[in-house]
């Protein structure tokens, strides 16, 4: 019985799927935790980019 238990504990087959599930769960928790901050930061970044592009376009079009 002891040999059977040790063989079961040493068997690494199937652990990769468990590890992938845990990794996905951790990433999902991080995304949900920082979602609002990321949306705010990305919105600010895109607003700044479009504002600067619009300013550059206006400068080019001005004689």
PDB file of N, CA and C in Angstrom:
ATOM      1  N   UNK A   1       0.832  -1.195   0.000  1.00  0.00           N
ATOM      2  CA  UNK A   1       0.000   0.000   0.000  1.00  0.00           C
ATOM      3  C   UNK A   1       0.870   1.250   0.000  1.00  0.00           C
ATOM      4  N   UNK A   2       1.958   1.228   0.742  1.00  0.00           N
ATOM      5  CA  UNK A   2       2.849   2.377   0.811  1.00  0.00           C
ATOM      6  C   UNK A   2       3.466   2.661  -0.560  1.00  0.00           C
ATOM      7  N   UNK A   3       3.844   1.597  -1.276  1.00  0.00           N
ATOM      8  CA  UNK A   3       4.433   1.768  -2.608  1.00  0.00           C
ATOM      9  C   UNK A   3       3.426   2.374  -3.571  1.00  0.00           C
ATOM     10  N   UNK A   4       2.203   1.936  -3.467  1.00  0.00           N
ATOM     11  CA  UNK A   4       1.154   2.460  -4.331  1.00  0.00           C
ATOM     12  C   UNK A   4       0.917   3.947  -4.059  1.00  0.00           C
ATOM     13  N   UNK A   5       0.895   4.340  -2.794  1.00  0.00           N
ATOM     14  CA  UNK A   5       0.701   5.737  -2.432  1.00  0.00           C
ATOM     15  C   UNK A   5       1.869   6.595  -2.917  1.00  0.00           C
ATOM     16  N   UNK A   6       3.094   6.100  -2.739  1.00  0.00           N
ATOM     17  CA  UNK A   6       4.263   6.838  -3.201  1.00  0.00           C
ATOM     18  C   UNK A   6       4.270   6.969  -4.718  1.00  0.00           C
ATOM     19  N   UNK A   7       3.877   5.904  -5.421  1.00  0.00           N
ATOM     20  CA  UNK A   7       3.818   5.966  -6.880  1.00  0.00           C
ATOM     21  C   UNK A   7       2.777   6.991  -7.333  1.00  0.00           C
ATOM     22  N   UNK A   8       1.668   7.057  -6.620  1.00  0.00           N
ATOM     23  CA  UNK A   8       0.629   8.033  -6.947  1.00  0.00           C
ATOM     24  C   UNK A   8       1.129   9.458  -6.735  1.00  0.00           C
ATOM     25  N   UNK A   9       1.831   9.708  -5.640  1.00  0.00           N
ATOM     26  CA  UNK A   9       2.333  11.044  -5.345  1.00  0.00           C
ATOM     27  C   UNK A   9       3.442  11.475  -6.289  1.00  0.00           C
ATOM     28  N   UNK A  10       4.228  10.535  -6.779  1.00  0.00           N
ATOM     29  CA  UNK A  10       5.331  10.855  -7.684  1.00  0.00           C
ATOM     30  C   UNK A  10       4.887  11.001  -9.132  1.00  0.00           C
ATOM     31  N   UNK A  11       3.706  10.528  -9.459  1.00  0.00           N
ATOM     32  CA  UNK A  11       3.200  10.612 -10.825  1.00  0.00           C
ATOM     33  C   UNK A  11       2.888  12.068 -11.161  1.00  0.00           C
ATOM     34  N   UNK A  12       3.554  12.619 -12.169  1.00  0.00           N
ATOM     35  CA  UNK A  12       3.375  14.013 -12.551  1.00  0.00           C
ATOM     36  C   UNK A  12       2.442  14.174 -13.752  1.00  0.00           C
ATOM     37  N   UNK A  13       1.913  13.116 -14.258  1.00  0.00           N
ATOM     38  CA  UNK A  13       1.032  13.192 -15.415  1.00  0.00           C
ATOM     39  C   UNK A  13      -0.270  13.892 -15.028  1.00  0.00           C
ATOM     40  N   UNK A  14      -0.685  14.852 -15.837  1.00  0.00           N
ATOM     41  CA  UNK A  14      -1.924  15.560 -15.578  1.00  0.00           C
ATOM     42  C   UNK A  14      -1.747  16.838 -14.791  1.00  0.00           C
ATOM     43  N   UNK A  15      -0.574  17.100 -14.281  1.00  0.00           N
ATOM     44  CA  UNK A  15      -0.381  18.317 -13.510  1.00  0.00           C
ATOM     45  C   UNK A  15      -0.368  19.551 -14.392  1.00  0.00           C
ATOM     46  N   UNK A  16      -0.014  19.397 -15.626  1.00  0.00           N
ATOM     47  CA  UNK A  16       0.073  20.578 -16.482  1.00  0.00           C
ATOM     48  C   UNK A  16      -1.292  21.239 -16.667  1.00  0.00           C
ATOM     49  N   UNK A  17      -2.351  20.471 -16.799  1.00  0.00           N
ATOM     50  CA  UNK A  17      -3.673  21.079 -16.956  1.00  0.00           C
ATOM     51  C   UNK A  17      -4.078  21.822 -15.687  1.00  0.00           C
ATOM     52  N   UNK A  18      -3.751  21.278 -14.537  1.00  0.00           N
ATOM     53  CA  UNK A  18      -4.043  21.950 -13.274  1.00  0.00           C
ATOM     54  C   UNK A  18      -3.250  23.244 -13.168  1.00  0.00           C
ATOM     55  N   UNK A  19      -2.005  23.211 -13.583  1.00  0.00           N
ATOM     56  CA  UNK A  19      -1.176  24.410 -13.532  1.00  0.00           C
ATOM     57  C   UNK A  19      -1.719  25.486 -14.476  1.00  0.00           C
ATOM     58  N   UNK A  20      -2.171  25.089 -15.660  1.00  0.00           N
ATOM     59  CA  UNK A  20      -2.744  26.053 -16.592  1.00  0.00           C
ATOM     60  C   UNK A  20      -4.028  26.666 -16.041  1.00  0.00           C
ATOM     61  N   UNK A  21      -4.848  25.864 -15.394  1.00  0.00           N
ATOM     62  CA  UNK A  21      -6.087  26.368 -14.807  1.00  0.00           C
ATOM     63  C   UNK A  21      -5.774  27.376 -13.709  1.00  0.00           C
ATOM     64  N   UNK A  22      -4.797  27.072 -12.862  1.00  0.00           N
ATOM     65  CA  UNK A  22      -4.404  28.002 -11.810  1.00  0.00           C
ATOM     66  C   UNK A  22      -3.838  29.291 -12.393  1.00  0.00           C
ATOM     67  N   UNK A  23      -3.053  29.179 -13.444  1.00  0.00           N
ATOM     68  CA  UNK A  23      -2.483  30.358 -14.087  1.00  0.00           C
ATOM     69  C   UNK A  23      -3.580  31.247 -14.677  1.00  0.00           C
ATOM     70  N   UNK A  24      -4.543  30.653 -15.346  1.00  0.00           N
ATOM     71  CA  UNK A  24      -5.663  31.407 -15.912  1.00  0.00           C
ATOM     72  C   UNK A  24      -6.469  32.074 -14.794  1.00  0.00           C
ATOM     73  N   UNK A  25      -6.661  31.369 -13.698  1.00  0.00           N
ATOM     74  CA  UNK A  25      -7.411  31.938 -12.570  1.00  0.00           C
ATOM     75  C   UNK A  25      -6.686  33.145 -11.985  1.00  0.00           C
ATOM     76  N   UNK A  26      -5.375  33.062 -11.838  1.00  0.00           N
ATOM     77  CA  UNK A  26      -4.600  34.179 -11.293  1.00  0.00           C
ATOM     78  C   UNK A  26      -4.647  35.373 -12.241  1.00  0.00           C
ATOM     79  N   UNK A  27      -4.494  35.127 -13.531  1.00  0.00           N
ATOM     80  CA  UNK A  27      -4.549  36.213 -14.513  1.00  0.00           C
ATOM     81  C   UNK A  27      -5.937  36.859 -14.496  1.00  0.00           C
ATOM     82  N   UNK A  28      -6.979  36.051 -14.416  1.00  0.00           N
ATOM     83  CA  UNK A  28      -8.340  36.590 -14.372  1.00  0.00           C
ATOM     84  C   UNK A  28      -8.548  37.454 -13.134  1.00  0.00           C
ATOM     85  N   UNK A  29      -8.034  37.017 -11.997  1.00  0.00           N
ATOM     86  CA  UNK A  29      -8.157  37.816 -10.781  1.00  0.00           C
ATOM     87  C   UNK A  29      -7.425  39.152 -10.907  1.00  0.00           C
ATOM     88  N   UNK A  30      -6.249  39.127 -11.517  1.00  0.00           N
ATOM     89  CA  UNK A  30      -5.494  40.364 -11.716  1.00  0.00           C
ATOM     90  C   UNK A  30      -6.251  41.307 -12.646  1.00  0.00           C
ATOM     91  N   UNK A  31      -6.802  40.758 -13.718  1.00  0.00           N
ATOM     92  CA  UNK A  31      -7.561  41.585 -14.668  1.00  0.00           C
ATOM     93  C   UNK A  31      -8.774  42.212 -13.990  1.00  0.00           C
ATOM     94  N   UNK A  32      -9.520  41.423 -13.222  1.00  0.00           N
ATOM     95  CA  UNK A  32     -10.695  41.967 -12.549  1.00  0.00           C
ATOM     96  C   UNK A  32     -10.308  42.989 -11.479  1.00  0.00           C
ATOM     97  N   UNK A  33      -9.189  42.774 -10.811  1.00  0.00           N
ATOM     98  CA  UNK A  33      -8.745  43.673  -9.752  1.00  0.00           C
ATOM     99  C   UNK A  33      -8.363  45.043 -10.312  1.00  0.00           C
ATOM    100  N   UNK A  34      -7.640  45.068 -11.424  1.00  0.00           N
ATOM    101  CA  UNK A  34      -7.116  46.313 -11.960  1.00  0.00           C
ATOM    102  C   UNK A  34      -7.846  46.795 -13.215  1.00  0.00           C
ATOM    103  N   UNK A  35      -9.032  46.254 -13.479  1.00  0.00           N
ATOM    104  CA  UNK A  35      -9.778  46.593 -14.688  1.00  0.00           C
ATOM    105  C   UNK A  35     -10.103  48.081 -14.768  1.00  0.00           C
ATOM    106  N   UNK A  36     -10.626  48.642 -13.691  1.00  0.00           N
ATOM    107  CA  UNK A  36     -11.027  50.047 -13.711  1.00  0.00           C
ATOM    108  C   UNK A  36      -9.829  50.967 -13.914  1.00  0.00           C
ATOM    109  N   UNK A  37      -8.726  50.677 -13.257  1.00  0.00           N
ATOM    110  CA  UNK A  37      -7.524  51.497 -13.404  1.00  0.00           C
ATOM    111  C   UNK A  37      -6.974  51.387 -14.828  1.00  0.00           C
ATOM    112  N   UNK A  38      -6.989  50.189 -15.393  1.00  0.00           N
ATOM    113  CA  UNK A  38      -6.484  50.000 -16.756  1.00  0.00           C
ATOM    114  C   UNK A  38      -7.354  50.740 -17.769  1.00  0.00           C
ATOM    115  N   UNK A  39      -8.664  50.688 -17.593  1.00  0.00           N
ATOM    116  CA  UNK A  39      -9.575  51.390 -18.509  1.00  0.00           C
ATOM    117  C   UNK A  39      -9.334  52.888 -18.432  1.00  0.00           C
ATOM    118  N   UNK A  40      -9.157  53.412 -17.226  1.00  0.00           N
ATOM    119  CA  UNK A  40      -8.894  54.841 -17.048  1.00  0.00           C
ATOM    120  C   UNK A  40      -7.578  55.234 -17.708  1.00  0.00           C
ATOM    121  N   UNK A  41      -6.537  54.454 -17.459  1.00  0.00           N
ATOM    122  CA  UNK A  41      -5.219  54.769 -18.021  1.00  0.00           C
ATOM    123  C   UNK A  41      -5.241  54.694 -19.554  1.00  0.00           C
ATOM    124  N   UNK A  42      -5.869  53.664 -20.097  1.00  0.00           N
ATOM    125  CA  UNK A  42      -5.938  53.536 -21.557  1.00  0.00           C
ATOM    126  C   UNK A  42      -6.759  54.653 -22.179  1.00  0.00           C
ATOM    127  N   UNK A  43      -7.833  55.049 -21.514  1.00  0.00           N
ATOM    128  CA  UNK A  43      -8.641  56.162 -22.006  1.00  0.00           C
ATOM    129  C   UNK A  43      -7.845  57.459 -22.027  1.00  0.00           C
ATOM    130  N   UNK A  44      -7.099  57.713 -20.961  1.00  0.00           N
ATOM    131  CA  UNK A  44      -6.259  58.909 -20.896  1.00  0.00           C
ATOM    132  C   UNK A  44      -5.193  58.881 -21.983  1.00  0.00           C
ATOM    133  N   UNK A  45      -4.581  57.724 -22.159  1.00  0.00           N
ATOM    134  CA  UNK A  45      -3.529  57.581 -23.174  1.00  0.00           C
ATOM    135  C   UNK A  45      -4.068  57.844 -24.575  1.00  0.00           C
ATOM    136  N   UNK A  46      -5.196  57.244 -24.910  1.00  0.00           N
ATOM    137  CA  UNK A  46      -5.755  57.441 -26.251  1.00  0.00           C
ATOM    138  C   UNK A  46      -6.235  58.878 -26.445  1.00  0.00           C
ATOM    139  N   UNK A  47      -6.797  59.487 -25.398  1.00  0.00           N
ATOM    140  CA  UNK A  47      -7.205  60.893 -25.510  1.00  0.00           C
ATOM    141  C   UNK A  47      -5.999  61.783 -25.794  1.00  0.00           C
ATOM    142  N   UNK A  48      -4.901  61.548 -25.092  1.00  0.00           N
ATOM    143  CA  UNK A  48      -3.688  62.344 -25.324  1.00  0.00           C
ATOM    144  C   UNK A  48      -3.144  62.143 -26.732  1.00  0.00           C
ATOM    145  N   UNK A  49      -3.147  60.918 -27.205  1.00  0.00           N
ATOM    146  CA  UNK A  49      -2.642  60.638 -28.555  1.00  0.00           C
ATOM    147  C   UNK A  49      -3.483  61.353 -29.607  1.00  0.00           C
ATOM    148  N   UNK A  50      -4.811  61.243 -29.488  1.00  0.00           N
ATOM    149  CA  UNK A  50      -5.679  61.881 -30.479  1.00  0.00           C
ATOM    150  C   UNK A  50      -5.627  63.401 -30.389  1.00  0.00           C
ATOM    151  N   UNK A  51      -5.468  63.929 -29.189  1.00  0.00           N
ATOM    152  CA  UNK A  51      -5.346  65.380 -29.041  1.00  0.00           C
ATOM    153  C   UNK A  51      -4.078  65.875 -29.720  1.00  0.00           C
ATOM    154  N   UNK A  52      -2.967  65.196 -29.491  1.00  0.00           N
ATOM    155  CA  UNK A  52      -1.707  65.602 -30.118  1.00  0.00           C
ATOM    156  C   UNK A  52      -1.763  65.436 -31.639  1.00  0.00           C
ATOM    157  N   UNK A  53      -2.382  64.365 -32.105  1.00  0.00           N
ATOM    158  CA  UNK A  53      -2.510  64.162 -33.551  1.00  0.00           C
ATOM    159  C   UNK A  53      -3.380  65.253 -34.171  1.00  0.00           C
ATOM    160  N   UNK A  54      -4.443  65.621 -33.486  1.00  0.00           N
ATOM    161  CA  UNK A  54      -5.322  66.679 -33.971  1.00  0.00           C
ATOM    162  C   UNK A  54      -4.579  68.018 -33.997  1.00  0.00           C
ATOM    163  N   UNK A  55      -3.800  68.299 -32.956  1.00  0.00           N
ATOM    164  CA  UNK A  55      -3.000  69.536 -32.936  1.00  0.00           C
ATOM    165  C   UNK A  55      -2.007  69.571 -34.078  1.00  0.00           C
ATOM    166  N   UNK A  56      -1.346  68.439 -34.332  1.00  0.00           N
ATOM    167  CA  UNK A  56      -0.383  68.372 -35.430  1.00  0.00           C
ATOM    168  C   UNK A  56      -1.060  68.575 -36.781  1.00  0.00           C
ATOM    169  N   UNK A  57      -2.239  67.977 -36.936  1.00  0.00           N
ATOM    170  CA  UNK A  57      -2.980  68.127 -38.186  1.00  0.00           C
ATOM    171  C   UNK A  57      -3.412  69.573 -38.382  1.00  0.00           C
ATOM    172  N   UNK A  58      -3.810  70.224 -37.307  1.00  0.00           N
ATOM    173  CA  UNK A  58      -4.207  71.635 -37.409  1.00  0.00           C
ATOM    174  C   UNK A  58      -3.017  72.522 -37.759  1.00  0.00           C
ATOM    175  N   UNK A  59      -1.850  72.224 -37.217  1.00  0.00           N
ATOM    176  CA  UNK A  59      -0.652  73.002 -37.529  1.00  0.00           C
ATOM    177  C   UNK A  59      -0.246  72.820 -38.987  1.00  0.00           C
ATOM    178  N   UNK A  60      -0.399  71.609 -39.492  1.00  0.00           N
ATOM    179  CA  UNK A  60      -0.031  71.345 -40.897  1.00  0.00           C
ATOM    180  C   UNK A  60      -1.000  72.085 -41.829  1.00  0.00           C
ATOM    181  N   UNK A  61      -2.269  72.096 -41.461  1.00  0.00           N
ATOM    182  CA  UNK A  61      -3.270  72.729 -42.332  1.00  0.00           C
ATOM    183  C   UNK A  61      -3.275  74.246 -42.251  1.00  0.00           C
ATOM    184  N   UNK A  62      -2.603  74.831 -41.292  1.00  0.00           N
ATOM    185  CA  UNK A  62      -2.580  76.293 -41.149  1.00  0.00           C
ATOM    186  C   UNK A  62      -1.469  76.878 -42.028  1.00  0.00           C
ATOM    187  N   UNK A  63      -1.797  77.871 -42.831  1.00  0.00           N
ATOM    188  CA  UNK A  63      -0.775  78.462 -43.727  1.00  0.00           C
ATOM    189  C   UNK A  63       0.218  79.328 -42.976  1.00  0.00           C
TER     190      UNK A  63
END
